[in-house]
C-alpha cells in the first residue's frame, strides 16, 4: 500500500466529489447551469448545433474559474490583485535621471 504525500504541504487539496475540491465543484455546477440555460434559451432560435456551440462557449469561462491558478492565486485573488494594482492604487512611475557623480562633486564644493 502506498500513500501519496505532497512535497510541499501548501499544495494539499481535499477531494470532495469525483476528485474535485469544493471550489471546483461549485464552478463546475455553475458552468453546467449556465450551459443548460443558454442551450434552452437558444435552441429554438439558433438551431440545435449552433446552440450547443454557444452553450459550450458560455460555460467555458465559468468552468475555468474553478481550475485556473496564476502564481498560486485563484481567479478571484488574481482579479482582486489586478484591480488593486491597476485601478484602486495605481502608481505613476516616472523616470528621473540622476547623475550621482555630479551631485557628489556639488556637495563637496558646497561644504
PDB file of N, CA and C in Angstrom:
ATOM      1  N   UNK A   1       0.840  -1.180   0.000  1.00  0.00           N
ATOM      2  CA  UNK A   1       0.000   0.000   0.000  1.00  0.00           C
ATOM      3  C   UNK A   1       0.882   1.240   0.000  1.00  0.00           C
ATOM      4  N   UNK A   2       0.560   2.182  -0.850  1.00  0.00           N
ATOM      5  CA  UNK A   2       1.360   3.393  -0.984  1.00  0.00           C
ATOM      6  C   UNK A   2       0.487   4.612  -0.723  1.00  0.00           C
ATOM      7  N   UNK A   3       1.003   5.523   0.087  1.00  0.00           N
ATOM      8  CA  UNK A   3       0.288   6.753   0.395  1.00  0.00           C
ATOM      9  C   UNK A   3       1.045   7.901  -0.255  1.00  0.00           C
ATOM     10  N   UNK A   4       0.341   8.670  -1.066  1.00  0.00           N
ATOM     11  CA  UNK A   4       0.976   9.786  -1.761  1.00  0.00           C
ATOM     12  C   UNK A   4       1.000  10.992  -0.829  1.00  0.00           C
ATOM     13  N   UNK A   5       2.184  11.562  -0.636  1.00  0.00           N
ATOM     14  CA  UNK A   5       2.355  12.727   0.227  1.00  0.00           C
ATOM     15  C   UNK A   5       2.978  13.833  -0.620  1.00  0.00           C
ATOM     16  N   UNK A   6       2.380  15.004  -0.560  1.00  0.00           N
ATOM     17  CA  UNK A   6       2.928  16.143  -1.299  1.00  0.00           C
ATOM     18  C   UNK A   6       4.243  16.582  -0.683  1.00  0.00           C
ATOM     19  N   UNK A   7       5.171  17.001  -1.543  1.00  0.00           N
ATOM     20  CA  UNK A   7       6.438  17.514  -1.043  1.00  0.00           C
ATOM     21  C   UNK A   7       6.245  18.854  -0.350  1.00  0.00           C
ATOM     22  N   UNK A   8       5.317  19.626  -0.840  1.00  0.00           N
ATOM     23  CA  UNK A   8       5.012  20.924  -0.245  1.00  0.00           C
ATOM     24  C   UNK A   8       3.617  20.837   0.362  1.00  0.00           C
ATOM     25  N   UNK A   9       3.496  21.139   1.634  1.00  0.00           N
ATOM     26  CA  UNK A   9       2.226  20.987   2.334  1.00  0.00           C
ATOM     27  C   UNK A   9       1.174  21.956   1.810  1.00  0.00           C
ATOM     28  N   UNK A  10       1.578  23.087   1.252  1.00  0.00           N
ATOM     29  CA  UNK A  10       0.616  24.059   0.732  1.00  0.00           C
ATOM     30  C   UNK A  10      -0.078  23.581  -0.533  1.00  0.00           C
ATOM     31  N   UNK A  11       0.444  22.547  -1.181  1.00  0.00           N
ATOM     32  CA  UNK A  11      -0.167  22.013  -2.399  1.00  0.00           C
ATOM     33  C   UNK A  11      -1.284  21.025  -2.114  1.00  0.00           C
ATOM     34  N   UNK A  12      -1.590  20.777  -0.852  1.00  0.00           N
ATOM     35  CA  UNK A  12      -2.619  19.819  -0.487  1.00  0.00           C
ATOM     36  C   UNK A  12      -3.998  20.362  -0.819  1.00  0.00           C
ATOM     37  N   UNK A  13      -4.805  19.551  -1.468  1.00  0.00           N
ATOM     38  CA  UNK A  13      -6.203  19.910  -1.727  1.00  0.00           C
ATOM     39  C   UNK A  13      -7.072  18.732  -1.321  1.00  0.00           C
ATOM     40  N   UNK A  14      -8.158  19.027  -0.691  1.00  0.00           N
ATOM     41  CA  UNK A  14      -9.059  17.980  -0.228  1.00  0.00           C
ATOM     42  C   UNK A  14     -10.062  17.669  -1.331  1.00  0.00           C
ATOM     43  N   UNK A  15     -10.187  16.401  -1.666  1.00  0.00           N
ATOM     44  CA  UNK A  15     -11.116  15.979  -2.708  1.00  0.00           C
ATOM     45  C   UNK A  15     -12.508  15.837  -2.104  1.00  0.00           C
ATOM     46  N   UNK A  16     -13.504  16.386  -2.797  1.00  0.00           N
ATOM     47  CA  UNK A  16     -14.861  16.366  -2.281  1.00  0.00           C
ATOM     48  C   UNK A  16     -15.749  15.459  -3.124  1.00  0.00           C
ATOM     49  N   UNK A  17     -15.724  15.646  -4.423  1.00  0.00           N
ATOM     50  CA  UNK A  17     -16.641  14.940  -5.311  1.00  0.00           C
ATOM     51  C   UNK A  17     -15.913  14.665  -6.616  1.00  0.00           C
ATOM     52  N   UNK A  18     -15.760  13.403  -6.990  1.00  0.00           N
ATOM     53  CA  UNK A  18     -15.029  12.994  -8.192  1.00  0.00           C
ATOM     54  C   UNK A  18     -13.607  13.535  -8.222  1.00  0.00           C
ATOM     55  N   UNK A  19     -12.967  13.674  -7.103  1.00  0.00           N
ATOM     56  CA  UNK A  19     -11.600  14.179  -7.040  1.00  0.00           C
ATOM     57  C   UNK A  19     -11.482  15.682  -7.137  1.00  0.00           C
ATOM     58  N   UNK A  20     -12.598  16.402  -7.130  1.00  0.00           N
ATOM     59  CA  UNK A  20     -12.593  17.860  -7.206  1.00  0.00           C
ATOM     60  C   UNK A  20     -12.736  18.440  -5.812  1.00  0.00           C
ATOM     61  N   UNK A  21     -12.144  19.599  -5.596  1.00  0.00           N
ATOM     62  CA  UNK A  21     -12.346  20.270  -4.320  1.00  0.00           C
ATOM     63  C   UNK A  21     -13.642  21.077  -4.380  1.00  0.00           C
ATOM     64  N   UNK A  22     -14.006  21.719  -3.278  1.00  0.00           N
ATOM     65  CA  UNK A  22     -15.275  22.431  -3.198  1.00  0.00           C
ATOM     66  C   UNK A  22     -15.366  23.547  -4.230  1.00  0.00           C
ATOM     67  N   UNK A  23     -14.295  24.285  -4.393  1.00  0.00           N
ATOM     68  CA  UNK A  23     -14.271  25.399  -5.350  1.00  0.00           C
ATOM     69  C   UNK A  23     -14.512  24.907  -6.769  1.00  0.00           C
ATOM     70  N   UNK A  24     -13.848  23.834  -7.149  1.00  0.00           N
ATOM     71  CA  UNK A  24     -14.004  23.278  -8.479  1.00  0.00           C
ATOM     72  C   UNK A  24     -15.407  22.712  -8.689  1.00  0.00           C
ATOM     73  N   UNK A  25     -15.993  22.098  -7.656  1.00  0.00           N
ATOM     74  CA  UNK A  25     -17.358  21.578  -7.761  1.00  0.00           C
ATOM     75  C   UNK A  25     -18.356  22.704  -7.974  1.00  0.00           C
ATOM     76  N   UNK A  26     -18.239  23.770  -7.212  1.00  0.00           N
ATOM     77  CA  UNK A  26     -19.170  24.893  -7.334  1.00  0.00           C
ATOM     78  C   UNK A  26     -19.070  25.513  -8.721  1.00  0.00           C
ATOM     79  N   UNK A  27     -17.847  25.743  -9.187  1.00  0.00           N
ATOM     80  CA  UNK A  27     -17.671  26.330 -10.520  1.00  0.00           C
ATOM     81  C   UNK A  27     -18.165  25.391 -11.617  1.00  0.00           C
ATOM     82  N   UNK A  28     -17.975  24.082 -11.453  1.00  0.00           N
ATOM     83  CA  UNK A  28     -18.455  23.123 -12.451  1.00  0.00           C
ATOM     84  C   UNK A  28     -19.972  23.097 -12.495  1.00  0.00           C
ATOM     85  N   UNK A  29     -20.619  23.082 -11.341  1.00  0.00           N
ATOM     86  CA  UNK A  29     -22.079  23.090 -11.307  1.00  0.00           C
ATOM     87  C   UNK A  29     -22.633  24.391 -11.883  1.00  0.00           C
ATOM     88  N   UNK A  30     -21.973  25.499 -11.602  1.00  0.00           N
ATOM     89  CA  UNK A  30     -22.408  26.774 -12.156  1.00  0.00           C
ATOM     90  C   UNK A  30     -22.254  26.785 -13.674  1.00  0.00           C
ATOM     91  N   UNK A  31     -21.162  26.220 -14.181  1.00  0.00           N
ATOM     92  CA  UNK A  31     -20.954  26.141 -15.629  1.00  0.00           C
ATOM     93  C   UNK A  31     -22.004  25.250 -16.284  1.00  0.00           C
ATOM     94  N   UNK A  32     -22.355  24.152 -15.627  1.00  0.00           N
ATOM     95  CA  UNK A  32     -23.398  23.275 -16.167  1.00  0.00           C
ATOM     96  C   UNK A  32     -24.729  24.008 -16.209  1.00  0.00           C
ATOM     97  N   UNK A  33     -25.034  24.771 -15.150  1.00  0.00           N
ATOM     98  CA  UNK A  33     -26.273  25.541 -15.121  1.00  0.00           C
ATOM     99  C   UNK A  33     -26.319  26.598 -16.211  1.00  0.00           C
ATOM    100  N   UNK A  34     -25.203  27.301 -16.408  1.00  0.00           N
ATOM    101  CA  UNK A  34     -25.144  28.318 -17.465  1.00  0.00           C
ATOM    102  C   UNK A  34     -25.295  27.671 -18.835  1.00  0.00           C
ATOM    103  N   UNK A  35     -24.631  26.551 -19.048  1.00  0.00           N
ATOM    104  CA  UNK A  35     -24.714  25.864 -20.343  1.00  0.00           C
ATOM    105  C   UNK A  35     -26.142  25.392 -20.607  1.00  0.00           C
ATOM    106  N   UNK A  36     -26.789  24.815 -19.594  1.00  0.00           N
ATOM    107  CA  UNK A  36     -28.167  24.342 -19.783  1.00  0.00           C
ATOM    108  C   UNK A  36     -29.110  25.510 -20.048  1.00  0.00           C
ATOM    109  N   UNK A  37     -28.941  26.609 -19.310  1.00  0.00           N
ATOM    110  CA  UNK A  37     -29.799  27.767 -19.519  1.00  0.00           C
ATOM    111  C   UNK A  37     -29.633  28.376 -20.894  1.00  0.00           C
ATOM    112  N   UNK A  38     -28.408  28.530 -21.333  1.00  0.00           N
ATOM    113  CA  UNK A  38     -28.148  29.099 -22.666  1.00  0.00           C
ATOM    114  C   UNK A  38     -28.687  28.174 -23.744  1.00  0.00           C
ATOM    115  N   UNK A  39     -28.499  26.876 -23.553  1.00  0.00           N
ATOM    116  CA  UNK A  39     -28.999  25.933 -24.557  1.00  0.00           C
ATOM    117  C   UNK A  39     -30.516  25.991 -24.656  1.00  0.00           C
ATOM    118  N   UNK A  40     -31.193  26.000 -23.520  1.00  0.00           N
ATOM    119  CA  UNK A  40     -32.658  26.027 -23.536  1.00  0.00           C
ATOM    120  C   UNK A  40     -33.194  27.334 -24.115  1.00  0.00           C
ATOM    121  N   UNK A  41     -32.476  28.423 -23.914  1.00  0.00           N
ATOM    122  CA  UNK A  41     -32.936  29.706 -24.436  1.00  0.00           C
ATOM    123  C   UNK A  41     -32.663  29.891 -25.927  1.00  0.00           C
ATOM    124  N   UNK A  42     -31.635  29.226 -26.441  1.00  0.00           N
ATOM    125  CA  UNK A  42     -31.229  29.488 -27.830  1.00  0.00           C
ATOM    126  C   UNK A  42     -31.504  28.351 -28.802  1.00  0.00           C
ATOM    127  N   UNK A  43     -31.946  27.192 -28.353  1.00  0.00           N
ATOM    128  CA  UNK A  43     -32.084  26.050 -29.282  1.00  0.00           C
ATOM    129  C   UNK A  43     -33.184  26.266 -30.309  1.00  0.00           C
ATOM    130  N   UNK A  44     -34.248  26.990 -29.933  1.00  0.00           N
ATOM    131  CA  UNK A  44     -35.337  27.195 -30.901  1.00  0.00           C
ATOM    132  C   UNK A  44     -34.983  28.265 -31.937  1.00  0.00           C
ATOM    133  N   UNK A  45     -34.192  29.256 -31.539  1.00  0.00           N
ATOM    134  CA  UNK A  45     -33.886  30.345 -32.468  1.00  0.00           C
ATOM    135  C   UNK A  45     -32.649  30.063 -33.314  1.00  0.00           C
ATOM    136  N   UNK A  46     -31.645  29.428 -32.737  1.00  0.00           N
ATOM    137  CA  UNK A  46     -30.392  29.212 -33.466  1.00  0.00           C
ATOM    138  C   UNK A  46     -30.267  27.825 -34.083  1.00  0.00           C
ATOM    139  N   UNK A  47     -31.055  26.903 -33.638  1.00  0.00           N
ATOM    140  CA  UNK A  47     -30.907  25.526 -34.096  1.00  0.00           C
ATOM    141  C   UNK A  47     -30.069  24.741 -33.102  1.00  0.00           C
ATOM    142  N   UNK A  48     -30.158  23.426 -33.196  1.00  0.00           N
ATOM    143  CA  UNK A  48     -29.527  22.545 -32.211  1.00  0.00           C
ATOM    144  C   UNK A  48     -27.999  22.629 -32.231  1.00  0.00           C
ATOM    145  N   UNK A  49     -27.397  22.627 -33.407  1.00  0.00           N
ATOM    146  CA  UNK A  49     -25.931  22.592 -33.484  1.00  0.00           C
ATOM    147  C   UNK A  49     -25.305  23.903 -33.018  1.00  0.00           C
ATOM    148  N   UNK A  50     -25.797  25.013 -33.511  1.00  0.00           N
ATOM    149  CA  UNK A  50     -25.217  26.304 -33.119  1.00  0.00           C
ATOM    150  C   UNK A  50     -25.484  26.587 -31.641  1.00  0.00           C
ATOM    151  N   UNK A  51     -26.663  26.199 -31.156  1.00  0.00           N
ATOM    152  CA  UNK A  51     -26.984  26.406 -29.743  1.00  0.00           C
ATOM    153  C   UNK A  51     -26.049  25.602 -28.843  1.00  0.00           C
ATOM    154  N   UNK A  52     -25.661  24.409 -29.280  1.00  0.00           N
ATOM    155  CA  UNK A  52     -24.736  23.609 -28.466  1.00  0.00           C
ATOM    156  C   UNK A  52     -23.350  24.251 -28.412  1.00  0.00           C
ATOM    157  N   UNK A  53     -22.908  24.839 -29.527  1.00  0.00           N
ATOM    158  CA  UNK A  53     -21.618  25.540 -29.521  1.00  0.00           C
ATOM    159  C   UNK A  53     -21.679  26.802 -28.666  1.00  0.00           C
ATOM    160  N   UNK A  54     -22.785  27.513 -28.739  1.00  0.00           N
ATOM    161  CA  UNK A  54     -22.940  28.728 -27.930  1.00  0.00           C
ATOM    162  C   UNK A  54     -22.957  28.384 -26.445  1.00  0.00           C
ATOM    163  N   UNK A  55     -23.610  27.291 -26.062  1.00  0.00           N
ATOM    164  CA  UNK A  55     -23.648  26.931 -24.642  1.00  0.00           C
ATOM    165  C   UNK A  55     -22.271  26.483 -24.148  1.00  0.00           C
ATOM    166  N   UNK A  56     -21.490  25.843 -25.011  1.00  0.00           N
ATOM    167  CA  UNK A  56     -20.120  25.483 -24.624  1.00  0.00           C
ATOM    168  C   UNK A  56     -19.284  26.737 -24.410  1.00  0.00           C
ATOM    169  N   UNK A  57     -19.391  27.677 -25.348  1.00  0.00           N
ATOM    170  CA  UNK A  57     -18.634  28.924 -25.205  1.00  0.00           C
ATOM    171  C   UNK A  57     -19.073  29.731 -23.990  1.00  0.00           C
ATOM    172  N   UNK A  58     -20.346  29.659 -23.631  1.00  0.00           N
ATOM    173  CA  UNK A  58     -20.832  30.380 -22.455  1.00  0.00           C
ATOM    174  C   UNK A  58     -20.374  29.717 -21.166  1.00  0.00           C
ATOM    175  N   UNK A  59     -20.190  28.407 -21.170  1.00  0.00           N
ATOM    176  CA  UNK A  59     -19.823  27.683 -19.953  1.00  0.00           C
ATOM    177  C   UNK A  59     -18.323  27.680 -19.685  1.00  0.00           C
ATOM    178  N   UNK A  60     -17.507  27.845 -20.708  1.00  0.00           N
ATOM    179  CA  UNK A  60     -16.049  27.756 -20.545  1.00  0.00           C
ATOM    180  C   UNK A  60     -15.488  28.752 -19.524  1.00  0.00           C
ATOM    181  N   UNK A  61     -15.860  30.036 -19.562  1.00  0.00           N
ATOM    182  CA  UNK A  61     -15.284  30.951 -18.556  1.00  0.00           C
ATOM    183  C   UNK A  61     -15.625  30.569 -17.120  1.00  0.00           C
ATOM    184  N   UNK A  62     -16.838  30.104 -16.894  1.00  0.00           N
ATOM    185  CA  UNK A  62     -17.230  29.730 -15.537  1.00  0.00           C
ATOM    186  C   UNK A  62     -16.542  28.453 -15.088  1.00  0.00           C
ATOM    187  N   UNK A  63     -16.307  27.533 -15.993  1.00  0.00           N
ATOM    188  CA  UNK A  63     -15.624  26.296 -15.644  1.00  0.00           C
ATOM    189  C   UNK A  63     -14.147  26.544 -15.355  1.00  0.00           C
ATOM    190  N   UNK A  64     -13.518  27.419 -16.127  1.00  0.00           N
ATOM    191  CA  UNK A  64     -12.089  27.664 -15.918  1.00  0.00           C
ATOM    192  C   UNK A  64     -11.811  28.408 -14.619  1.00  0.00           C
ATOM    193  N   UNK A  65     -12.769  29.168 -14.118  1.00  0.00           N
ATOM    194  CA  UNK A  65     -12.549  29.880 -12.851  1.00  0.00           C
ATOM    195  C   UNK A  65     -12.230  28.930 -11.710  1.00  0.00           C
ATOM    196  N   UNK A  66     -12.753  27.730 -11.755  1.00  0.00           N
ATOM    197  CA  UNK A  66     -12.507  26.771 -10.681  1.00  0.00           C
ATOM    198  C   UNK A  66     -11.179  26.066 -10.771  1.00  0.00           C
ATOM    199  N   UNK A  67     -10.590  26.026 -11.942  1.00  0.00           N
ATOM    200  CA  UNK A  67      -9.392  25.215 -12.138  1.00  0.00           C
ATOM    201  C   UNK A  67      -8.115  26.010 -12.364  1.00  0.00           C
ATOM    202  N   UNK A  68      -8.213  27.247 -12.779  1.00  0.00           N
ATOM    203  CA  UNK A  68      -7.038  28.028 -13.157  1.00  0.00           C
ATOM    204  C   UNK A  68      -6.435  28.709 -11.934  1.00  0.00           C
ATOM    205  N   UNK A  69      -5.125  28.608 -11.818  1.00  0.00           N
ATOM    206  CA  UNK A  69      -4.379  29.379 -10.822  1.00  0.00           C
ATOM    207  C   UNK A  69      -3.237  30.089 -11.547  1.00  0.00           C
ATOM    208  N   UNK A  70      -2.901  31.269 -11.054  1.00  0.00           N
ATOM    209  CA  UNK A  70      -1.830  32.049 -11.655  1.00  0.00           C
ATOM    210  C   UNK A  70      -0.927  32.534 -10.535  1.00  0.00           C
ATOM    211  N   UNK A  71       0.301  32.116 -10.524  1.00  0.00           N
ATOM    212  CA  UNK A  71       1.265  32.422  -9.465  1.00  0.00           C
ATOM    213  C   UNK A  71       0.713  32.045  -8.096  1.00  0.00           C
ATOM    214  N   UNK A  72       0.036  30.904  -8.023  1.00  0.00           N
ATOM    215  CA  UNK A  72      -0.505  30.419  -6.770  1.00  0.00           C
ATOM    216  C   UNK A  72      -1.776  31.113  -6.317  1.00  0.00           C
ATOM    217  N   UNK A  73      -2.318  32.014  -7.127  1.00  0.00           N
ATOM    218  CA  UNK A  73      -3.549  32.720  -6.779  1.00  0.00           C
ATOM    219  C   UNK A  73      -4.714  32.123  -7.551  1.00  0.00           C
ATOM    220  N   UNK A  74      -5.876  32.055  -6.900  1.00  0.00           N
ATOM    221  CA  UNK A  74      -7.080  31.641  -7.603  1.00  0.00           C
ATOM    222  C   UNK A  74      -7.537  32.789  -8.493  1.00  0.00           C
ATOM    223  N   UNK A  75      -8.550  32.548  -9.292  1.00  0.00           N
ATOM    224  CA  UNK A  75      -9.025  33.569 -10.226  1.00  0.00           C
ATOM    225  C   UNK A  75      -9.518  34.810  -9.486  1.00  0.00           C
ATOM    226  N   UNK A  76     -10.246  34.611  -8.370  1.00  0.00           N
ATOM    227  CA  UNK A  76     -10.747  35.765  -7.621  1.00  0.00           C
ATOM    228  C   UNK A  76      -9.618  36.576  -7.005  1.00  0.00           C
ATOM    229  N   UNK A  77      -8.617  35.882  -6.472  1.00  0.00           N
ATOM    230  CA  UNK A  77      -7.473  36.576  -5.887  1.00  0.00           C
ATOM    231  C   UNK A  77      -6.705  37.341  -6.956  1.00  0.00           C
ATOM    232  N   UNK A  78      -6.560  36.752  -8.139  1.00  0.00           N
ATOM    233  CA  UNK A  78      -5.859  37.425  -9.220  1.00  0.00           C
ATOM    234  C   UNK A  78      -6.616  38.666  -9.685  1.00  0.00           C
ATOM    235  N   UNK A  79      -7.934  38.552  -9.840  1.00  0.00           N
ATOM    236  CA  UNK A  79      -8.737  39.705 -10.270  1.00  0.00           C
ATOM    237  C   UNK A  79      -8.653  40.810  -9.231  1.00  0.00           C
ATOM    238  N   UNK A  80      -8.709  40.462  -7.943  1.00  0.00           N
ATOM    239  CA  UNK A  80      -8.622  41.480  -6.892  1.00  0.00           C
ATOM    240  C   UNK A  80      -7.243  42.142  -6.894  1.00  0.00           C
ATOM    241  N   UNK A  81      -6.185  41.365  -7.059  1.00  0.00           N
ATOM    242  CA  UNK A  81      -4.838  41.932  -7.115  1.00  0.00           C
ATOM    243  C   UNK A  81      -4.681  42.845  -8.323  1.00  0.00           C
ATOM    244  N   UNK A  82      -5.233  42.461  -9.459  1.00  0.00           N
ATOM    245  CA  UNK A  82      -5.161  43.299 -10.660  1.00  0.00           C
ATOM    246  C   UNK A  82      -5.938  44.588 -10.462  1.00  0.00           C
ATOM    247  N   UNK A  83      -7.141  44.497  -9.895  1.00  0.00           N
ATOM    248  CA  UNK A  83      -7.936  45.703  -9.648  1.00  0.00           C
ATOM    249  C   UNK A  83      -7.210  46.664  -8.705  1.00  0.00           C
ATOM    250  N   UNK A  84      -6.599  46.117  -7.656  1.00  0.00           N
ATOM    251  CA  UNK A  84      -5.871  46.976  -6.722  1.00  0.00           C
ATOM    252  C   UNK A  84      -4.686  47.643  -7.385  1.00  0.00           C
ATOM    253  N   UNK A  85      -3.945  46.892  -8.182  1.00  0.00           N
ATOM    254  CA  UNK A  85      -2.731  47.463  -8.768  1.00  0.00           C
ATOM    255  C   UNK A  85      -3.019  48.408  -9.925  1.00  0.00           C
ATOM    256  N   UNK A  86      -4.093  48.178 -10.660  1.00  0.00           N
ATOM    257  CA  UNK A  86      -4.363  48.986 -11.846  1.00  0.00           C
ATOM    258  C   UNK A  86      -5.382  50.099 -11.622  1.00  0.00           C
ATOM    259  N   UNK A  87      -6.379  49.878 -10.782  1.00  0.00           N
ATOM    260  CA  UNK A  87      -7.454  50.842 -10.649  1.00  0.00           C
ATOM    261  C   UNK A  87      -7.524  51.526  -9.286  1.00  0.00           C
ATOM    262  N   UNK A  88      -7.380  50.754  -8.220  1.00  0.00           N
ATOM    263  CA  UNK A  88      -7.572  51.318  -6.881  1.00  0.00           C
ATOM    264  C   UNK A  88      -6.349  52.098  -6.421  1.00  0.00           C
ATOM    265  N   UNK A  89      -5.178  51.509  -6.529  1.00  0.00           N
ATOM    266  CA  UNK A  89      -3.951  52.162  -6.080  1.00  0.00           C
ATOM    267  C   UNK A  89      -2.898  52.194  -7.184  1.00  0.00           C
ATOM    268  N   UNK A  90      -3.174  52.828  -8.315  1.00  0.00           N
ATOM    269  CA  UNK A  90      -2.159  52.834  -9.386  1.00  0.00           C
ATOM    270  C   UNK A  90      -1.004  53.761  -9.033  1.00  0.00           C
ATOM    271  N   UNK A  91       0.177  53.371  -9.422  1.00  0.00           N
ATOM    272  CA  UNK A  91       1.369  54.193  -9.234  1.00  0.00           C
ATOM    273  C   UNK A  91       1.794  54.725 -10.591  1.00  0.00           C
ATOM    274  N   UNK A  92       2.105  55.987 -10.605  1.00  0.00           N
ATOM    275  CA  UNK A  92       2.652  56.553 -11.836  1.00  0.00           C
ATOM    276  C   UNK A  92       4.167  56.577 -11.668  1.00  0.00           C
ATOM    277  N   UNK A  93       4.835  55.753 -12.407  1.00  0.00           N
ATOM    278  CA  UNK A  93       6.288  55.660 -12.330  1.00  0.00           C
ATOM    279  C   UNK A  93       6.885  56.620 -13.341  1.00  0.00           C
ATOM    280  N   UNK A  94       7.719  57.497 -12.851  1.00  0.00           N
ATOM    281  CA  UNK A  94       8.370  58.462 -13.731  1.00  0.00           C
ATOM    282  C   UNK A  94       9.877  58.251 -13.676  1.00  0.00           C
ATOM    283  N   UNK A  95      10.491  58.413 -14.805  1.00  0.00           N
ATOM    284  CA  UNK A  95      11.935  58.282 -14.877  1.00  0.00           C
ATOM    285  C   UNK A  95      12.558  59.648 -14.654  1.00  0.00           C
ATOM    286  N   UNK A  96      13.409  59.710 -13.671  1.00  0.00           N
ATOM    287  CA  UNK A  96      14.171  60.935 -13.430  1.00  0.00           C
ATOM    288  C   UNK A  96      15.646  60.567 -13.483  1.00  0.00           C
ATOM    289  N   UNK A  97      16.328  61.232 -14.366  1.00  0.00           N
ATOM    290  CA  UNK A  97      17.744  60.921 -14.488  1.00  0.00           C
ATOM    291  C   UNK A  97      18.505  61.515 -13.294  1.00  0.00           C
ATOM    292  N   UNK A  98      19.454  60.785 -12.822  1.00  0.00           N
ATOM    293  CA  UNK A  98      20.292  61.267 -11.720  1.00  0.00           C
ATOM    294  C   UNK A  98      21.744  61.004 -12.084  1.00  0.00           C
ATOM    295  N   UNK A  99      22.566  61.980 -11.815  1.00  0.00           N
ATOM    296  CA  UNK A  99      23.985  61.851 -12.031  1.00  0.00           C
ATOM    297  C   UNK A  99      24.633  61.913 -10.656  1.00  0.00           C
ATOM    298  N   UNK A 100      24.899  60.769 -10.099  1.00  0.00           N
ATOM    299  CA  UNK A 100      25.441  60.692  -8.750  1.00  0.00           C
ATOM    300  C   UNK A 100      26.816  61.350  -8.653  1.00  0.00           C
ATOM    301  N   UNK A 101      27.580  61.234  -9.693  1.00  0.00           N
ATOM    302  CA  UNK A 101      28.910  61.858  -9.690  1.00  0.00           C
ATOM    303  C   UNK A 101      28.784  63.382  -9.606  1.00  0.00           C
ATOM    304  N   UNK A 102      27.894  63.978 -10.407  1.00  0.00           N
ATOM    305  CA  UNK A 102      27.692  65.418 -10.402  1.00  0.00           C
ATOM    306  C   UNK A 102      27.187  65.900  -9.037  1.00  0.00           C
ATOM    307  N   UNK A 103      26.264  65.156  -8.444  1.00  0.00           N
ATOM    308  CA  UNK A 103      25.742  65.539  -7.127  1.00  0.00           C
ATOM    309  C   UNK A 103      26.834  65.454  -6.061  1.00  0.00           C
ATOM    310  N   UNK A 104      27.690  64.447  -6.148  1.00  0.00           N
ATOM    311  CA  UNK A 104      28.757  64.312  -5.176  1.00  0.00           C
ATOM    312  C   UNK A 104      29.770  65.456  -5.307  1.00  0.00           C
ATOM    313  N   UNK A 105      30.088  65.856  -6.523  1.00  0.00           N
ATOM    314  CA  UNK A 105      31.004  66.967  -6.758  1.00  0.00           C
ATOM    315  C   UNK A 105      30.412  68.264  -6.211  1.00  0.00           C
ATOM    316  N   UNK A 106      29.130  68.516  -6.481  1.00  0.00           N
ATOM    317  CA  UNK A 106      28.462  69.726  -5.992  1.00  0.00           C
ATOM    318  C   UNK A 106      28.386  69.760  -4.468  1.00  0.00           C
ATOM    319  N   UNK A 107      28.134  68.643  -3.846  1.00  0.00           N
ATOM    320  CA  UNK A 107      28.127  68.590  -2.372  1.00  0.00           C
ATOM    321  C   UNK A 107      29.509  68.861  -1.800  1.00  0.00           C
ATOM    322  N   UNK A 108      30.506  68.320  -2.479  1.00  0.00           N
ATOM    323  CA  UNK A 108      31.867  68.524  -1.999  1.00  0.00           C
ATOM    324  C   UNK A 108      32.274  69.997  -2.135  1.00  0.00           C
ATOM    325  N   UNK A 109      31.853  70.667  -3.203  1.00  0.00           N
ATOM    326  CA  UNK A 109      32.175  72.088  -3.391  1.00  0.00           C
ATOM    327  C   UNK A 109      31.460  72.960  -2.395  1.00  0.00           C
ATOM    328  N   UNK A 110      30.201  72.607  -2.047  1.00  0.00           N
ATOM    329  CA  UNK A 110      29.412  73.426  -1.133  1.00  0.00           C
ATOM    330  C   UNK A 110      29.823  73.291   0.312  1.00  0.00           C
ATOM    331  N   UNK A 111      30.528  72.269   0.671  1.00  0.00           N
ATOM    332  CA  UNK A 111      30.929  72.088   2.081  1.00  0.00           C
ATOM    333  C   UNK A 111      32.291  72.648   2.371  1.00  0.00           C
TER     334      UNK A 111
END
